[in-house]
């Protein structure tokens, strides 16, 4: 019975050892996930607007740059500088 506990704790220790190596490489994992995942941060590249009511701007379209290139959508109420979006839902240029 005692050797069985030693085996379980040995396996648990090895698992934590491997987990420690994976966590140590978190920066590389984040960079790979950024380029593999279609969902992620996008930075506003350009936007188009028209003069609206009482001098306010009415946004007509926005173009964002993300890990999959440029993503545009034709109509938006606003164009924030940084958005978290799914590039599969919008037209990619």
PDB file of N, CA and C in Angstrom:
ATOM      1  N   UNK A   1       0.828  -1.193   0.000  1.00  0.00           N
ATOM      2  CA  UNK A   1       0.000   0.000   0.000  1.00  0.00           C
ATOM      3  C   UNK A   1       0.871   1.255   0.000  1.00  0.00           C
ATOM      4  N   UNK A   2       1.991   1.202   0.699  1.00  0.00           N
ATOM      5  CA  UNK A   2       2.864   2.349   0.787  1.00  0.00           C
ATOM      6  C   UNK A   2       3.507   2.669  -0.565  1.00  0.00           C
ATOM      7  N   UNK A   3       3.859   1.661  -1.337  1.00  0.00           N
ATOM      8  CA  UNK A   3       4.462   1.898  -2.658  1.00  0.00           C
ATOM      9  C   UNK A   3       3.446   2.496  -3.616  1.00  0.00           C
ATOM     10  N   UNK A   4       2.193   2.179  -3.408  1.00  0.00           N
ATOM     11  CA  UNK A   4       1.136   2.743  -4.267  1.00  0.00           C
ATOM     12  C   UNK A   4       1.023   4.257  -4.046  1.00  0.00           C
ATOM     13  N   UNK A   5       1.090   4.684  -2.773  1.00  0.00           N
ATOM     14  CA  UNK A   5       1.056   6.116  -2.476  1.00  0.00           C
ATOM     15  C   UNK A   5       2.269   6.815  -3.066  1.00  0.00           C
ATOM     16  N   UNK A   6       3.429   6.165  -2.960  1.00  0.00           N
ATOM     17  CA  UNK A   6       4.652   6.746  -3.523  1.00  0.00           C
ATOM     18  C   UNK A   6       4.545   6.906  -5.034  1.00  0.00           C
ATOM     19  N   UNK A   7       3.915   5.951  -5.685  1.00  0.00           N
ATOM     20  CA  UNK A   7       3.734   6.021  -7.134  1.00  0.00           C
ATOM     21  C   UNK A   7       2.788   7.163  -7.513  1.00  0.00           C
ATOM     22  N   UNK A   8       1.709   7.316  -6.769  1.00  0.00           N
ATOM     23  CA  UNK A   8       0.745   8.378  -7.039  1.00  0.00           C
ATOM     24  C   UNK A   8       1.395   9.745  -6.829  1.00  0.00           C
ATOM     25  N   UNK A   9       2.125   9.902  -5.718  1.00  0.00           N
ATOM     26  CA  UNK A   9       2.790  11.183  -5.464  1.00  0.00           C
ATOM     27  C   UNK A   9       3.896  11.456  -6.479  1.00  0.00           C
ATOM     28  N   UNK A  10       4.563  10.409  -6.931  1.00  0.00           N
ATOM     29  CA  UNK A  10       5.593  10.567  -7.964  1.00  0.00           C
ATOM     30  C   UNK A  10       4.993  11.053  -9.272  1.00  0.00           C
ATOM     31  N   UNK A  11       3.861  10.472  -9.648  1.00  0.00           N
ATOM     32  CA  UNK A  11       3.173  10.898 -10.871  1.00  0.00           C
ATOM     33  C   UNK A  11       2.661  12.336 -10.719  1.00  0.00           C
ATOM     34  N   UNK A  12       2.136  12.664  -9.558  1.00  0.00           N
ATOM     35  CA  UNK A  12       1.647  14.014  -9.298  1.00  0.00           C
ATOM     36  C   UNK A  12       2.800  15.020  -9.367  1.00  0.00           C
ATOM     37  N   UNK A  13       3.940  14.656  -8.796  1.00  0.00           N
ATOM     38  CA  UNK A  13       5.118  15.522  -8.852  1.00  0.00           C
ATOM     39  C   UNK A  13       5.594  15.736 -10.283  1.00  0.00           C
ATOM     40  N   UNK A  14       5.593  14.674 -11.082  1.00  0.00           N
ATOM     41  CA  UNK A  14       5.994  14.793 -12.487  1.00  0.00           C
ATOM     42  C   UNK A  14       5.020  15.683 -13.249  1.00  0.00           C
ATOM     43  N   UNK A  15       3.739  15.564 -12.930  1.00  0.00           N
ATOM     44  CA  UNK A  15       2.736  16.406 -13.584  1.00  0.00           C
ATOM     45  C   UNK A  15       2.946  17.876 -13.265  1.00  0.00           C
ATOM     46  N   UNK A  16       3.246  18.174 -11.997  1.00  0.00           N
ATOM     47  CA  UNK A  16       3.520  19.562 -11.614  1.00  0.00           C
ATOM     48  C   UNK A  16       4.811  20.079 -12.249  1.00  0.00           C
ATOM     49  N   UNK A  17       5.775  19.202 -12.425  1.00  0.00           N
ATOM     50  CA  UNK A  17       7.030  19.581 -13.071  1.00  0.00           C
ATOM     51  C   UNK A  17       6.777  19.989 -14.529  1.00  0.00           C
ATOM     52  N   UNK A  18       5.991  19.205 -15.237  1.00  0.00           N
ATOM     53  CA  UNK A  18       5.645  19.524 -16.627  1.00  0.00           C
ATOM     54  C   UNK A  18       4.817  20.808 -16.679  1.00  0.00           C
ATOM     55  N   UNK A  19       3.866  20.952 -15.778  1.00  0.00           N
ATOM     56  CA  UNK A  19       3.043  22.157 -15.722  1.00  0.00           C
ATOM     57  C   UNK A  19       3.898  23.397 -15.462  1.00  0.00           C
ATOM     58  N   UNK A  20       4.915  23.269 -14.635  1.00  0.00           N
ATOM     59  CA  UNK A  20       5.832  24.373 -14.379  1.00  0.00           C
ATOM     60  C   UNK A  20       6.574  24.801 -15.626  1.00  0.00           C
ATOM     61  N   UNK A  21       6.996  23.845 -16.455  1.00  0.00           N
ATOM     62  CA  UNK A  21       7.675  24.177 -17.717  1.00  0.00           C
ATOM     63  C   UNK A  21       6.719  24.862 -18.694  1.00  0.00           C
ATOM     64  N   UNK A  22       5.484  24.425 -18.723  1.00  0.00           N
ATOM     65  CA  UNK A  22       4.496  25.053 -19.619  1.00  0.00           C
ATOM     66  C   UNK A  22       4.217  26.485 -19.176  1.00  0.00           C
ATOM     67  N   UNK A  23       4.042  26.700 -17.894  1.00  0.00           N
ATOM     68  CA  UNK A  23       3.773  28.047 -17.382  1.00  0.00           C
ATOM     69  C   UNK A  23       4.971  28.966 -17.620  1.00  0.00           C
ATOM     70  N   UNK A  24       6.187  28.420 -17.553  1.00  0.00           N
ATOM     71  CA  UNK A  24       7.384  29.225 -17.792  1.00  0.00           C
ATOM     72  C   UNK A  24       7.430  29.745 -19.230  1.00  0.00           C
ATOM     73  N   UNK A  25       6.755  29.079 -20.140  1.00  0.00           N
ATOM     74  CA  UNK A  25       6.739  29.481 -21.544  1.00  0.00           C
ATOM     75  C   UNK A  25       5.470  30.245 -21.908  1.00  0.00           C
ATOM     76  N   UNK A  26       4.830  30.929 -20.971  1.00  0.00           N
ATOM     77  CA  UNK A  26       3.536  31.575 -21.202  1.00  0.00           C
ATOM     78  C   UNK A  26       3.612  32.648 -22.264  1.00  0.00           C
ATOM     79  N   UNK A  27       4.717  33.354 -22.388  1.00  0.00           N
ATOM     80  CA  UNK A  27       4.816  34.408 -23.405  1.00  0.00           C
ATOM     81  C   UNK A  27       4.729  33.821 -24.807  1.00  0.00           C
ATOM     82  N   UNK A  28       5.435  32.727 -25.032  1.00  0.00           N
ATOM     83  CA  UNK A  28       5.394  32.062 -26.338  1.00  0.00           C
ATOM     84  C   UNK A  28       3.996  31.530 -26.629  1.00  0.00           C
ATOM     85  N   UNK A  29       3.332  30.979 -25.627  1.00  0.00           N
ATOM     86  CA  UNK A  29       1.980  30.446 -25.804  1.00  0.00           C
ATOM     87  C   UNK A  29       1.012  31.568 -26.162  1.00  0.00           C
ATOM     88  N   UNK A  30       1.142  32.728 -25.536  1.00  0.00           N
ATOM     89  CA  UNK A  30       0.264  33.868 -25.835  1.00  0.00           C
ATOM     90  C   UNK A  30       0.496  34.367 -27.264  1.00  0.00           C
ATOM     91  N   UNK A  31       1.737  34.441 -27.702  1.00  0.00           N
ATOM     92  CA  UNK A  31       2.042  34.904 -29.065  1.00  0.00           C
ATOM     93  C   UNK A  31       1.477  33.935 -30.095  1.00  0.00           C
ATOM     94  N   UNK A  32       1.646  32.649 -29.884  1.00  0.00           N
ATOM     95  CA  UNK A  32       1.096  31.649 -30.813  1.00  0.00           C
ATOM     96  C   UNK A  32      -0.426  31.726 -30.832  1.00  0.00           C
ATOM     97  N   UNK A  33      -1.056  31.871 -29.677  1.00  0.00           N
ATOM     98  CA  UNK A  33      -2.517  31.967 -29.613  1.00  0.00           C
ATOM     99  C   UNK A  33      -3.012  33.212 -30.336  1.00  0.00           C
ATOM    100  N   UNK A  34      -2.258  34.307 -30.276  1.00  0.00           N
ATOM    101  CA  UNK A  34      -2.643  35.548 -30.959  1.00  0.00           C
ATOM    102  C   UNK A  34      -2.733  35.339 -32.461  1.00  0.00           C
ATOM    103  N   UNK A  35      -1.793  34.607 -33.039  1.00  0.00           N
ATOM    104  CA  UNK A  35      -1.788  34.417 -34.483  1.00  0.00           C
ATOM    105  C   UNK A  35      -2.680  33.269 -34.943  1.00  0.00           C
ATOM    106  N   UNK A  36      -2.970  32.325 -34.083  1.00  0.00           N
ATOM    107  CA  UNK A  36      -3.804  31.182 -34.458  1.00  0.00           C
ATOM    108  C   UNK A  36      -5.287  31.504 -34.310  1.00  0.00           C
ATOM    109  N   UNK A  37      -5.648  32.214 -33.268  1.00  0.00           N
ATOM    110  CA  UNK A  37      -7.054  32.490 -32.979  1.00  0.00           C
ATOM    111  C   UNK A  37      -7.590  33.635 -33.836  1.00  0.00           C
ATOM    112  N   UNK A  38      -8.790  33.479 -34.419  1.00  0.00           N
ATOM    113  CA  UNK A  38      -9.398  34.579 -35.166  1.00  0.00           C
ATOM    114  C   UNK A  38     -10.002  35.640 -34.256  1.00  0.00           C
ATOM    115  N   UNK A  39     -10.128  35.340 -32.978  1.00  0.00           N
ATOM    116  CA  UNK A  39     -10.678  36.288 -32.017  1.00  0.00           C
ATOM    117  C   UNK A  39      -9.512  36.942 -31.271  1.00  0.00           C
ATOM    118  N   UNK A  40      -9.516  38.271 -31.264  1.00  0.00           N
ATOM    119  CA  UNK A  40      -8.430  38.945 -30.570  1.00  0.00           C
ATOM    120  C   UNK A  40      -8.516  40.448 -30.709  1.00  0.00           C
ATOM    121  N   UNK A  41      -7.498  41.138 -30.226  1.00  0.00           N
ATOM    122  CA  UNK A  41      -7.505  42.600 -30.279  1.00  0.00           C
ATOM    123  C   UNK A  41      -7.244  43.116 -31.690  1.00  0.00           C
ATOM    124  N   UNK A  42      -7.925  44.183 -32.047  1.00  0.00           N
ATOM    125  CA  UNK A  42      -7.747  44.843 -33.343  1.00  0.00           C
ATOM    126  C   UNK A  42      -7.600  46.339 -33.095  1.00  0.00           C
ATOM    127  N   UNK A  43      -6.664  46.952 -33.777  1.00  0.00           N
ATOM    128  CA  UNK A  43      -6.370  48.373 -33.645  1.00  0.00           C
ATOM    129  C   UNK A  43      -6.978  49.115 -34.831  1.00  0.00           C
ATOM    130  N   UNK A  44      -7.665  50.224 -34.537  1.00  0.00           N
ATOM    131  CA  UNK A  44      -8.289  50.998 -35.616  1.00  0.00           C
ATOM    132  C   UNK A  44      -7.213  51.557 -36.535  1.00  0.00           C
ATOM    133  N   UNK A  45      -7.355  51.267 -37.818  1.00  0.00           N
ATOM    134  CA  UNK A  45      -6.410  51.728 -38.815  1.00  0.00           C
ATOM    135  C   UNK A  45      -6.915  53.015 -39.466  1.00  0.00           C
ATOM    136  N   UNK A  46      -8.182  53.011 -39.850  1.00  0.00           N
ATOM    137  CA  UNK A  46      -8.795  54.210 -40.414  1.00  0.00           C
ATOM    138  C   UNK A  46     -10.305  54.123 -40.246  1.00  0.00           C
ATOM    139  N   UNK A  47     -10.947  55.261 -40.364  1.00  0.00           N
ATOM    140  CA  UNK A  47     -12.398  55.290 -40.270  1.00  0.00           C
ATOM    141  C   UNK A  47     -12.921  56.390 -41.167  1.00  0.00           C
ATOM    142  N   UNK A  48     -14.193  56.286 -41.486  1.00  0.00           N
ATOM    143  CA  UNK A  48     -14.850  57.241 -42.372  1.00  0.00           C
ATOM    144  C   UNK A  48     -16.092  57.756 -41.658  1.00  0.00           C
ATOM    145  N   UNK A  49     -16.330  59.043 -41.771  1.00  0.00           N
ATOM    146  CA  UNK A  49     -17.505  59.608 -41.119  1.00  0.00           C
ATOM    147  C   UNK A  49     -18.082  60.728 -41.974  1.00  0.00           C
ATOM    148  N   UNK A  50     -19.302  61.061 -41.682  1.00  0.00           N
ATOM    149  CA  UNK A  50     -19.992  62.180 -42.322  1.00  0.00           C
ATOM    150  C   UNK A  50     -20.471  63.120 -41.224  1.00  0.00           C
ATOM    151  N   UNK A  51     -20.643  64.376 -41.608  1.00  0.00           N
ATOM    152  CA  UNK A  51     -21.163  65.343 -40.646  1.00  0.00           C
ATOM    153  C   UNK A  51     -22.605  64.971 -40.329  1.00  0.00           C
ATOM    154  N   UNK A  52     -22.896  64.852 -39.072  1.00  0.00           N
ATOM    155  CA  UNK A  52     -24.227  64.461 -38.642  1.00  0.00           C
ATOM    156  C   UNK A  52     -25.002  65.634 -38.084  1.00  0.00           C
ATOM    157  N   UNK A  53     -25.986  65.331 -37.325  1.00  0.00           N
ATOM    158  CA  UNK A  53     -26.870  66.326 -36.723  1.00  0.00           C
ATOM    159  C   UNK A  53     -26.115  67.180 -35.706  1.00  0.00           C
ATOM    160  N   UNK A  54     -26.273  68.482 -35.793  1.00  0.00           N
ATOM    161  CA  UNK A  54     -25.731  69.437 -34.829  1.00  0.00           C
ATOM    162  C   UNK A  54     -24.201  69.373 -34.720  1.00  0.00           C
ATOM    163  N   UNK A  55     -23.532  69.078 -35.820  1.00  0.00           N
ATOM    164  CA  UNK A  55     -22.073  69.066 -35.846  1.00  0.00           C
ATOM    165  C   UNK A  55     -21.417  67.787 -35.363  1.00  0.00           C
ATOM    166  N   UNK A  56     -22.193  66.797 -34.931  1.00  0.00           N
ATOM    167  CA  UNK A  56     -21.616  65.533 -34.497  1.00  0.00           C
ATOM    168  C   UNK A  56     -21.245  64.673 -35.693  1.00  0.00           C
ATOM    169  N   UNK A  57     -20.260  63.821 -35.511  1.00  0.00           N
ATOM    170  CA  UNK A  57     -19.837  62.910 -36.578  1.00  0.00           C
ATOM    171  C   UNK A  57     -20.691  61.649 -36.574  1.00  0.00           C
ATOM    172  N   UNK A  58     -21.066  61.202 -37.742  1.00  0.00           N
ATOM    173  CA  UNK A  58     -21.770  59.927 -37.896  1.00  0.00           C
ATOM    174  C   UNK A  58     -20.821  58.975 -38.613  1.00  0.00           C
ATOM    175  N   UNK A  59     -20.358  57.935 -37.918  1.00  0.00           N
ATOM    176  CA  UNK A  59     -19.412  56.998 -38.518  1.00  0.00           C
ATOM    177  C   UNK A  59     -20.097  56.157 -39.586  1.00  0.00           C
ATOM    178  N   UNK A  60     -19.414  56.008 -40.701  1.00  0.00           N
ATOM    179  CA  UNK A  60     -19.936  55.230 -41.818  1.00  0.00           C
ATOM    180  C   UNK A  60     -19.252  53.865 -41.871  1.00  0.00           C
ATOM    181  N   UNK A  61     -17.974  53.798 -41.577  1.00  0.00           N
ATOM    182  CA  UNK A  61     -17.246  52.540 -41.619  1.00  0.00           C
ATOM    183  C   UNK A  61     -15.925  52.630 -40.891  1.00  0.00           C
ATOM    184  N   UNK A  62     -15.418  51.480 -40.489  1.00  0.00           N
ATOM    185  CA  UNK A  62     -14.153  51.401 -39.761  1.00  0.00           C
ATOM    186  C   UNK A  62     -13.309  50.285 -40.363  1.00  0.00           C
ATOM    187  N   UNK A  63     -12.003  50.478 -40.356  1.00  0.00           N
ATOM    188  CA  UNK A  63     -11.064  49.444 -40.768  1.00  0.00           C
ATOM    189  C   UNK A  63     -10.097  49.204 -39.618  1.00  0.00           C
ATOM    190  N   UNK A  64      -9.956  47.939 -39.234  1.00  0.00           N
ATOM    191  CA  UNK A  64      -9.101  47.562 -38.115  1.00  0.00           C
ATOM    192  C   UNK A  64      -7.998  46.633 -38.592  1.00  0.00           C
ATOM    193  N   UNK A  65      -6.862  46.686 -37.920  1.00  0.00           N
ATOM    194  CA  UNK A  65      -5.734  45.804 -38.204  1.00  0.00           C
ATOM    195  C   UNK A  65      -5.581  44.844 -37.037  1.00  0.00           C
ATOM    196  N   UNK A  66      -5.601  43.544 -37.359  1.00  0.00           N
ATOM    197  CA  UNK A  66      -5.438  42.510 -36.342  1.00  0.00           C
ATOM    198  C   UNK A  66      -4.465  41.458 -36.812  1.00  0.00           C
ATOM    199  N   UNK A  67      -4.444  40.328 -36.149  1.00  0.00           N
ATOM    200  CA  UNK A  67      -3.506  39.261 -36.487  1.00  0.00           C
ATOM    201  C   UNK A  67      -3.797  38.626 -37.837  1.00  0.00           C
ATOM    202  N   UNK A  68      -5.004  38.765 -38.342  1.00  0.00           N
ATOM    203  CA  UNK A  68      -5.376  38.190 -39.636  1.00  0.00           C
ATOM    204  C   UNK A  68      -5.416  39.231 -40.747  1.00  0.00           C
ATOM    205  N   UNK A  69      -4.859  40.394 -40.508  1.00  0.00           N
ATOM    206  CA  UNK A  69      -4.837  41.448 -41.513  1.00  0.00           C
ATOM    207  C   UNK A  69      -5.899  42.499 -41.243  1.00  0.00           C
ATOM    208  N   UNK A  70      -6.329  43.145 -42.330  1.00  0.00           N
ATOM    209  CA  UNK A  70      -7.309  44.221 -42.201  1.00  0.00           C
ATOM    210  C   UNK A  70      -8.731  43.671 -42.197  1.00  0.00           C
ATOM    211  N   UNK A  71      -9.541  44.182 -41.288  1.00  0.00           N
ATOM    212  CA  UNK A  71     -10.941  43.789 -41.161  1.00  0.00           C
ATOM    213  C   UNK A  71     -11.769  45.062 -41.239  1.00  0.00           C
ATOM    214  N   UNK A  72     -12.768  45.069 -42.136  1.00  0.00           N
ATOM    215  CA  UNK A  72     -13.616  46.248 -42.314  1.00  0.00           C
ATOM    216  C   UNK A  72     -15.071  45.895 -42.088  1.00  0.00           C
ATOM    217  N   UNK A  73     -15.808  46.849 -41.565  1.00  0.00           N
ATOM    218  CA  UNK A  73     -17.254  46.717 -41.572  1.00  0.00           C
ATOM    219  C   UNK A  73     -17.842  48.051 -41.979  1.00  0.00           C
ATOM    220  N   UNK A  74     -18.940  47.976 -42.707  1.00  0.00           N
ATOM    221  CA  UNK A  74     -19.463  49.123 -43.437  1.00  0.00           C
ATOM    222  C   UNK A  74     -20.190  50.126 -42.560  1.00  0.00           C
ATOM    223  N   UNK A  75     -20.855  49.704 -41.539  1.00  0.00           N
ATOM    224  CA  UNK A  75     -21.657  50.632 -40.757  1.00  0.00           C
ATOM    225  C   UNK A  75     -21.415  50.409 -39.278  1.00  0.00           C
ATOM    226  N   UNK A  76     -21.139  51.483 -38.584  1.00  0.00           N
ATOM    227  CA  UNK A  76     -20.915  51.371 -37.148  1.00  0.00           C
ATOM    228  C   UNK A  76     -21.333  52.676 -36.483  1.00  0.00           C
ATOM    229  N   UNK A  77     -21.845  52.582 -35.302  1.00  0.00           N
ATOM    230  CA  UNK A  77     -22.239  53.788 -34.588  1.00  0.00           C
ATOM    231  C   UNK A  77     -21.022  54.496 -34.011  1.00  0.00           C
ATOM    232  N   UNK A  78     -19.963  53.750 -33.762  1.00  0.00           N
ATOM    233  CA  UNK A  78     -18.731  54.341 -33.266  1.00  0.00           C
ATOM    234  C   UNK A  78     -17.554  53.481 -33.701  1.00  0.00           C
ATOM    235  N   UNK A  79     -16.367  54.054 -33.676  1.00  0.00           N
ATOM    236  CA  UNK A  79     -15.149  53.346 -34.060  1.00  0.00           C
ATOM    237  C   UNK A  79     -14.114  53.487 -32.945  1.00  0.00           C
ATOM    238  N   UNK A  80     -14.144  52.625 -31.937  1.00  0.00           N
ATOM    239  CA  UNK A  80     -13.150  52.725 -30.871  1.00  0.00           C
ATOM    240  C   UNK A  80     -11.743  52.436 -31.390  1.00  0.00           C
ATOM    241  N   UNK A  81     -10.745  52.932 -30.694  1.00  0.00           N
ATOM    242  CA  UNK A  81      -9.359  52.757 -31.116  1.00  0.00           C
ATOM    243  C   UNK A  81      -8.940  51.293 -31.028  1.00  0.00           C
ATOM    244  N   UNK A  82      -9.346  50.597 -29.986  1.00  0.00           N
ATOM    245  CA  UNK A  82      -8.990  49.199 -29.794  1.00  0.00           C
ATOM    246  C   UNK A  82     -10.252  48.407 -29.497  1.00  0.00           C
ATOM    247  N   UNK A  83     -10.471  47.326 -30.252  1.00  0.00           N
ATOM    248  CA  UNK A  83     -11.634  46.468 -30.029  1.00  0.00           C
ATOM    249  C   UNK A  83     -11.194  45.011 -29.981  1.00  0.00           C
ATOM    250  N   UNK A  84     -11.970  44.210 -29.292  1.00  0.00           N
ATOM    251  CA  UNK A  84     -11.774  42.761 -29.245  1.00  0.00           C
ATOM    252  C   UNK A  84     -12.855  42.184 -30.131  1.00  0.00           C
ATOM    253  N   UNK A  85     -12.487  41.599 -31.271  1.00  0.00           N
ATOM    254  CA  UNK A  85     -13.501  41.159 -32.225  1.00  0.00           C
ATOM    255  C   UNK A  85     -13.142  39.817 -32.845  1.00  0.00           C
ATOM    256  N   UNK A  86     -14.159  39.192 -33.403  1.00  0.00           N
ATOM    257  CA  UNK A  86     -14.008  37.931 -34.131  1.00  0.00           C
ATOM    258  C   UNK A  86     -13.915  38.277 -35.611  1.00  0.00           C
ATOM    259  N   UNK A  87     -12.736  38.086 -36.203  1.00  0.00           N
ATOM    260  CA  UNK A  87     -12.525  38.481 -37.602  1.00  0.00           C
ATOM    261  C   UNK A  87     -13.300  37.612 -38.591  1.00  0.00           C
ATOM    262  N   UNK A  88     -13.855  36.477 -38.149  1.00  0.00           N
ATOM    263  CA  UNK A  88     -14.646  35.640 -39.052  1.00  0.00           C
ATOM    264  C   UNK A  88     -15.996  36.258 -39.358  1.00  0.00           C
ATOM    265  N   UNK A  89     -16.473  37.175 -38.525  1.00  0.00           N
ATOM    266  CA  UNK A  89     -17.796  37.764 -38.726  1.00  0.00           C
ATOM    267  C   UNK A  89     -17.785  38.956 -39.671  1.00  0.00           C
ATOM    268  N   UNK A  90     -16.624  39.492 -40.000  1.00  0.00           N
ATOM    269  CA  UNK A  90     -16.549  40.685 -40.817  1.00  0.00           C
ATOM    270  C   UNK A  90     -15.769  40.400 -42.093  1.00  0.00           C
ATOM    271  N   UNK A  91     -15.891  41.304 -43.035  1.00  0.00           N
ATOM    272  CA  UNK A  91     -15.218  41.156 -44.330  1.00  0.00           C
ATOM    273  C   UNK A  91     -13.738  41.439 -44.148  1.00  0.00           C
ATOM    274  N   UNK A  92     -12.902  40.519 -44.635  1.00  0.00           N
ATOM    275  CA  UNK A  92     -11.458  40.692 -44.562  1.00  0.00           C
ATOM    276  C   UNK A  92     -10.959  41.130 -45.926  1.00  0.00           C
ATOM    277  N   UNK A  93     -10.195  42.204 -45.947  1.00  0.00           N
ATOM    278  CA  UNK A  93      -9.654  42.719 -47.201  1.00  0.00           C
ATOM    279  C   UNK A  93      -8.369  42.012 -47.565  1.00  0.00           C
TER     280      UNK A  93
END
